[in-house]
């Protein structure tokens, strides 16, 4: 006999925590982008208060979105000794397969992390080029004074 409550809870917690962790990775790349932005309106979004609000929203969002897991996941007896927790709803199984597995675990994190990684790289290059330009101007000014 397999415990139904343990099956549902374990599947739900695994799904929630993995989605929350992946979301936090994406948020960290967005945070790095905001911290390297030249414009102050974007850098203001890089604050502890906003980060806490987004984390709380993310936790609640994934906990609510994955509630059907608690409803539809049930232990299925494969053999006399072996049970597996699986969704009993074909529709929820397809949502898990095509939305969660394909989009939430696959496409969206890669796209957002690549996009914000590229934008962060671009911002750091602009910062470096700006600093090199300032140093060159200072050197030219110093050379002009000695002549």
Foldseek 3Di string as FASTA:
>chain_A
DDDFQCLLVVVLVVLLVVLLVLVVVLVVLQLLLLCLDPDVVSVVCNDPVNVVVVSVVSSVVSSVVSVVSSVFWGWDDPDPVDTDTDGPDPVVVVCCVCPVVPPSVHDPSVVSNVVSVVSSVVSVVVVVVVVVVVVVVVVVVVVVVVD
